[in-house]
Amino acid sequence: MTNVDAFNQLPINSIILADDDRDDHDFFKDALGEIAPMVRLSIVEDGEALLKLLKHYVPDFIFLDLDMPCKNGLECLTEIRNNPILNSIPIVIFSSTSRPANIDTAYEMGADLFFIKPSNYNDLVSSIKAILSLDWKNPSVVKEQYFINGRYAAFL
């Protein structure tokens, strides 16, 4: 079975990537295109653009950077989780920080997974593939797997 065949069964047809780093946009777009080319990817560069897009378009999945201009990722996360139309969308924090306090805060504010940006393309491809292969029908079960010894852990 090819990578593409493995993703034909996914209920994920659309993803929004909210990140202000254009290099990360390119790497993410290329990686997703390699493993799931049928998934529609929309990219926004700041929190306000994300929230504006969500008024007209509800994706199956959001990858959300923490450090963005206008509104940061935590502010967006709060608004999304407080919106009854949007609050069930799986949200993966996509950040370069590995500080345990940031990871805990993101989970406590409603993130379903915390994904530290990998340093190379091949790790990004394998990580996105693994993340999208998780059972997202019940995001709280995914989240619970990363609560270890009283603290939340990042996806590795």
C-alpha atoms as a PDB file:
ATOM      1  CA  MET A   1       0.000   0.000   0.000  1.00  0.00           C
ATOM      2  CA  THR A   2       1.429   3.395  -0.925  1.00  0.00           C
ATOM      3  CA  ASN A   3       1.396   6.454   1.303  1.00  0.00           C
ATOM      4  CA  VAL A   4      -1.402   7.890  -0.818  1.00  0.00           C
ATOM      5  CA  ASP A   5      -3.492   4.708  -0.501  1.00  0.00           C
ATOM      6  CA  ALA A   6      -3.129   4.764   3.292  1.00  0.00           C
ATOM      7  CA  PHE A   7      -4.688   8.224   3.408  1.00  0.00           C
ATOM      8  CA  ASN A   8      -7.565   7.557   1.027  1.00  0.00           C
ATOM      9  CA  GLN A   9      -9.436   6.138   4.015  1.00  0.00           C
ATOM     10  CA  LEU A  10      -8.933   9.196   6.226  1.00  0.00           C
ATOM     11  CA  PRO A  11     -11.873  11.401   7.096  1.00  0.00           C
ATOM     12  CA  ILE A  12      -9.511  14.376   6.767  1.00  0.00           C
ATOM     13  CA  ASN A  13     -10.191  16.248   3.549  1.00  0.00           C
ATOM     14  CA  SER A  14      -9.106  19.750   4.546  1.00  0.00           C
ATOM     15  CA  ILE A  15      -6.452  21.290   6.776  1.00  0.00           C
ATOM     16  CA  ILE A  16      -5.631  24.847   7.733  1.00  0.00           C
ATOM     17  CA  LEU A  17      -2.037  25.650   8.603  1.00  0.00           C
ATOM     18  CA  ALA A  18      -1.770  28.877  10.607  1.00  0.00           C
ATOM     19  CA  ASP A  19       1.884  29.899  10.744  1.00  0.00           C
ATOM     20  CA  ASP A  20       3.767  33.086   9.939  1.00  0.00           C
ATOM     21  CA  ASP A  21       6.960  31.374   8.716  1.00  0.00           C
ATOM     22  CA  ARG A  22       6.919  30.994   4.925  1.00  0.00           C
ATOM     23  CA  ASP A  23       9.621  28.331   4.968  1.00  0.00           C
ATOM     24  CA  ASP A  24       7.433  26.253   7.277  1.00  0.00           C
ATOM     25  CA  HIS A  25       4.523  26.777   4.841  1.00  0.00           C
ATOM     26  CA  ASP A  26       6.579  25.359   1.991  1.00  0.00           C
ATOM     27  CA  PHE A  27       7.882  22.378   3.960  1.00  0.00           C
ATOM     28  CA  PHE A  28       4.430  21.556   5.334  1.00  0.00           C
ATOM     29  CA  LYS A  29       2.787  21.895   1.916  1.00  0.00           C
ATOM     30  CA  ASP A  30       5.399  19.660   0.292  1.00  0.00           C
ATOM     31  CA  ALA A  31       5.206  17.065   3.073  1.00  0.00           C
ATOM     32  CA  LEU A  32       1.415  16.932   3.024  1.00  0.00           C
ATOM     33  CA  GLY A  33       1.433  16.758  -0.774  1.00  0.00           C
ATOM     34  CA  GLU A  34       3.776  13.797  -0.613  1.00  0.00           C
ATOM     35  CA  ILE A  35       1.656  11.766   1.810  1.00  0.00           C
ATOM     36  CA  ALA A  36      -1.892  12.998   1.205  1.00  0.00           C
ATOM     37  CA  PRO A  37      -2.135  14.996  -2.033  1.00  0.00           C
ATOM     38  CA  MET A  38      -5.938  14.854  -2.008  1.00  0.00           C
ATOM     39  CA  VAL A  39      -6.149  16.849   1.239  1.00  0.00           C
ATOM     40  CA  ARG A  40      -6.962  20.526   0.663  1.00  0.00           C
ATOM     41  CA  LEU A  41      -4.462  22.769   2.463  1.00  0.00           C
ATOM     42  CA  SER A  42      -5.244  26.392   3.278  1.00  0.00           C
ATOM     43  CA  ILE A  43      -2.474  28.531   4.744  1.00  0.00           C
ATOM     44  CA  VAL A  44      -2.842  31.711   6.788  1.00  0.00           C
ATOM     45  CA  GLU A  45      -0.017  33.806   8.219  1.00  0.00           C
ATOM     46  CA  ASP A  46      -1.551  35.230  11.383  1.00  0.00           C
ATOM     47  CA  GLY A  47      -4.240  34.636  13.952  1.00  0.00           C
ATOM     48  CA  GLU A  48      -6.650  37.247  12.661  1.00  0.00           C
ATOM     49  CA  ALA A  49      -6.518  35.727   9.174  1.00  0.00           C
ATOM     50  CA  LEU A  50      -7.237  32.304  10.684  1.00  0.00           C
ATOM     51  CA  LEU A  51     -10.274  33.523  12.594  1.00  0.00           C
ATOM     52  CA  LYS A  52     -11.548  35.408   9.543  1.00  0.00           C
ATOM     53  CA  LEU A  53     -11.218  32.286   7.376  1.00  0.00           C
ATOM     54  CA  LEU A  54     -13.025  30.187   9.997  1.00  0.00           C
ATOM     55  CA  LYS A  55     -16.081  32.442   9.688  1.00  0.00           C
ATOM     56  CA  HIS A  56     -16.576  31.123   6.134  1.00  0.00           C
ATOM     57  CA  TYR A  57     -14.821  27.768   6.061  1.00  0.00           C
ATOM     58  CA  VAL A  58     -14.660  24.934   8.596  1.00  0.00           C
ATOM     59  CA  PRO A  59     -11.767  22.545   7.978  1.00  0.00           C
ATOM     60  CA  ASP A  60     -11.395  18.993   9.223  1.00  0.00           C
ATOM     61  CA  PHE A  61      -8.146  19.842  10.993  1.00  0.00           C
ATOM     62  CA  ILE A  62      -5.997  22.814  12.110  1.00  0.00           C
ATOM     63  CA  PHE A  63      -2.230  22.994  12.602  1.00  0.00           C
ATOM     64  CA  LEU A  64      -1.631  26.118  14.689  1.00  0.00           C
ATOM     65  CA  ASP A  65       1.627  27.914  15.463  1.00  0.00           C
ATOM     66  CA  LEU A  66       1.846  29.634  18.847  1.00  0.00           C
ATOM     67  CA  ASP A  67       3.967  32.629  17.921  1.00  0.00           C
ATOM     68  CA  MET A  68       2.108  34.605  15.248  1.00  0.00           C
ATOM     69  CA  PRO A  69       1.391  38.289  14.709  1.00  0.00           C
ATOM     70  CA  CYS A  70      -1.983  39.965  15.280  1.00  0.00           C
ATOM     71  CA  LYS A  71      -3.365  37.142  17.435  1.00  0.00           C
ATOM     72  CA  ASN A  72      -1.132  34.423  18.757  1.00  0.00           C
ATOM     73  CA  GLY A  73      -1.951  30.729  18.691  1.00  0.00           C
ATOM     74  CA  LEU A  74      -3.254  30.597  22.257  1.00  0.00           C
ATOM     75  CA  GLU A  75      -5.644  33.485  21.606  1.00  0.00           C
ATOM     76  CA  CYS A  76      -6.915  31.699  18.489  1.00  0.00           C
ATOM     77  CA  LEU A  77      -7.199  28.430  20.366  1.00  0.00           C
ATOM     78  CA  THR A  78      -9.347  30.092  23.020  1.00  0.00           C
ATOM     79  CA  GLU A  79     -11.665  31.674  20.452  1.00  0.00           C
ATOM     80  CA  ILE A  80     -12.024  28.440  18.500  1.00  0.00           C
ATOM     81  CA  ARG A  81     -12.781  26.379  21.611  1.00  0.00           C
ATOM     82  CA  ASN A  82     -15.373  28.952  22.728  1.00  0.00           C
ATOM     83  CA  ASN A  83     -17.202  28.775  19.386  1.00  0.00           C
ATOM     84  CA  PRO A  84     -19.821  25.970  19.320  1.00  0.00           C
ATOM     85  CA  ILE A  85     -19.517  25.610  15.538  1.00  0.00           C
ATOM     86  CA  LEU A  86     -15.728  25.232  15.629  1.00  0.00           C
ATOM     87  CA  ASN A  87     -14.930  23.730  19.012  1.00  0.00           C
ATOM     88  CA  SER A  88     -14.790  20.112  17.842  1.00  0.00           C
ATOM     89  CA  ILE A  89     -12.145  20.666  15.146  1.00  0.00           C
ATOM     90  CA  PRO A  90      -8.967  18.771  16.059  1.00  0.00           C
ATOM     91  CA  ILE A  91      -6.184  21.288  16.692  1.00  0.00           C
ATOM     92  CA  VAL A  92      -2.514  20.404  16.656  1.00  0.00           C
ATOM     93  CA  ILE A  93      -0.142  23.034  17.974  1.00  0.00           C
ATOM     94  CA  PHE A  94       2.737  23.251  15.481  1.00  0.00           C
ATOM     95  CA  SER A  95       5.513  25.099  17.290  1.00  0.00           C
ATOM     96  CA  SER A  96       9.260  25.311  17.647  1.00  0.00           C
ATOM     97  CA  THR A  97       9.074  25.627  21.435  1.00  0.00           C
ATOM     98  CA  SER A  98       9.760  22.632  23.614  1.00  0.00           C
ATOM     99  CA  ARG A  99       9.214  24.363  26.974  1.00  0.00           C
ATOM    100  CA  PRO A 100       7.098  22.098  29.201  1.00  0.00           C
ATOM    101  CA  ALA A 101       5.100  25.089  30.513  1.00  0.00           C
ATOM    102  CA  ASN A 102       4.101  26.065  26.950  1.00  0.00           C
ATOM    103  CA  ILE A 103       3.133  22.496  26.155  1.00  0.00           C
ATOM    104  CA  ASP A 104       0.993  22.193  29.318  1.00  0.00           C
ATOM    105  CA  THR A 105      -0.675  25.558  28.691  1.00  0.00           C
ATOM    106  CA  ALA A 106      -1.564  24.672  25.102  1.00  0.00           C
ATOM    107  CA  TYR A 107      -3.152  21.370  26.135  1.00  0.00           C
ATOM    108  CA  GLU A 108      -4.978  22.982  29.058  1.00  0.00           C
ATOM    109  CA  MET A 109      -6.408  25.642  26.729  1.00  0.00           C
ATOM    110  CA  GLY A 110      -7.800  23.031  24.362  1.00  0.00           C
ATOM    111  CA  ALA A 111      -5.095  21.750  22.019  1.00  0.00           C
ATOM    112  CA  ASP A 112      -5.540  18.118  21.071  1.00  0.00           C
ATOM    113  CA  LEU A 113      -1.856  17.542  20.339  1.00  0.00           C
ATOM    114  CA  PHE A 114       1.393  19.500  20.629  1.00  0.00           C
ATOM    115  CA  PHE A 115       3.799  18.891  17.738  1.00  0.00           C
ATOM    116  CA  ILE A 116       7.292  20.361  17.949  1.00  0.00           C
ATOM    117  CA  LYS A 117       8.495  21.385  14.493  1.00  0.00           C
ATOM    118  CA  PRO A 118      11.104  18.869  13.376  1.00  0.00           C
ATOM    119  CA  SER A 119      14.496  20.016  12.173  1.00  0.00           C
ATOM    120  CA  ASN A 120      14.421  18.161   8.860  1.00  0.00           C
ATOM    121  CA  TYR A 121      12.004  17.423   6.055  1.00  0.00           C
ATOM    122  CA  ASN A 122      11.942  13.618   6.379  1.00  0.00           C
ATOM    123  CA  ASP A 123      10.985  13.877  10.055  1.00  0.00           C
ATOM    124  CA  LEU A 124       8.230  16.334   9.106  1.00  0.00           C
ATOM    125  CA  VAL A 125       6.828  13.910   6.521  1.00  0.00           C
ATOM    126  CA  SER A 126       6.843  10.951   8.905  1.00  0.00           C
ATOM    127  CA  SER A 127       5.381  13.037  11.748  1.00  0.00           C
ATOM    128  CA  ILE A 128       2.510  14.448   9.682  1.00  0.00           C
ATOM    129  CA  LYS A 129       1.767  10.962   8.402  1.00  0.00           C
ATOM    130  CA  ALA A 130       1.710   9.593  11.954  1.00  0.00           C
ATOM    131  CA  ILE A 131      -0.420  12.472  13.265  1.00  0.00           C
ATOM    132  CA  LEU A 132      -2.998  12.127  10.513  1.00  0.00           C
ATOM    133  CA  SER A 133      -3.093   8.369  11.112  1.00  0.00           C
ATOM    134  CA  LEU A 134      -4.190   8.810  14.741  1.00  0.00           C
ATOM    135  CA  ASP A 135      -7.832   8.087  15.543  1.00  0.00           C
ATOM    136  CA  TRP A 136      -9.282  11.607  15.353  1.00  0.00           C
ATOM    137  CA  LYS A 137     -12.894  10.454  15.743  1.00  0.00           C
ATOM    138  CA  ASN A 138     -12.358  11.089  19.445  1.00  0.00           C
ATOM    139  CA  PRO A 139      -9.648  13.755  19.936  1.00  0.00           C
ATOM    140  CA  SER A 140      -9.821  13.518  23.732  1.00  0.00           C
ATOM    141  CA  VAL A 141      -8.474   9.954  23.525  1.00  0.00           C
ATOM    142  CA  VAL A 142      -5.532  11.205  21.454  1.00  0.00           C
ATOM    143  CA  LYS A 143      -4.913  13.974  23.998  1.00  0.00           C
ATOM    144  CA  GLU A 144      -5.048  11.556  26.957  1.00  0.00           C
ATOM    145  CA  GLN A 145      -2.207   9.515  25.450  1.00  0.00           C
ATOM    146  CA  TYR A 146       0.085  12.507  25.923  1.00  0.00           C
ATOM    147  CA  PHE A 147      -0.742  13.102  29.593  1.00  0.00           C
ATOM    148  CA  ILE A 148       2.092  11.270  31.323  1.00  0.00           C
ATOM    149  CA  ASN A 149       2.999  11.407  35.014  1.00  0.00           C
ATOM    150  CA  GLY A 150       0.891  14.481  35.654  1.00  0.00           C
ATOM    151  CA  ARG A 151       2.227  16.514  32.712  1.00  0.00           C
ATOM    152  CA  TYR A 152       1.460  16.804  29.067  1.00  0.00           C
ATOM    153  CA  ALA A 153       4.059  15.689  26.557  1.00  0.00           C
ATOM    154  CA  ALA A 154       4.697  16.733  22.997  1.00  0.00           C
ATOM    155  CA  PHE A 155       4.194  14.413  20.062  1.00  0.00           C
ATOM    156  CA  LEU A 156       7.533  12.835  19.165  1.00  0.00           C
END
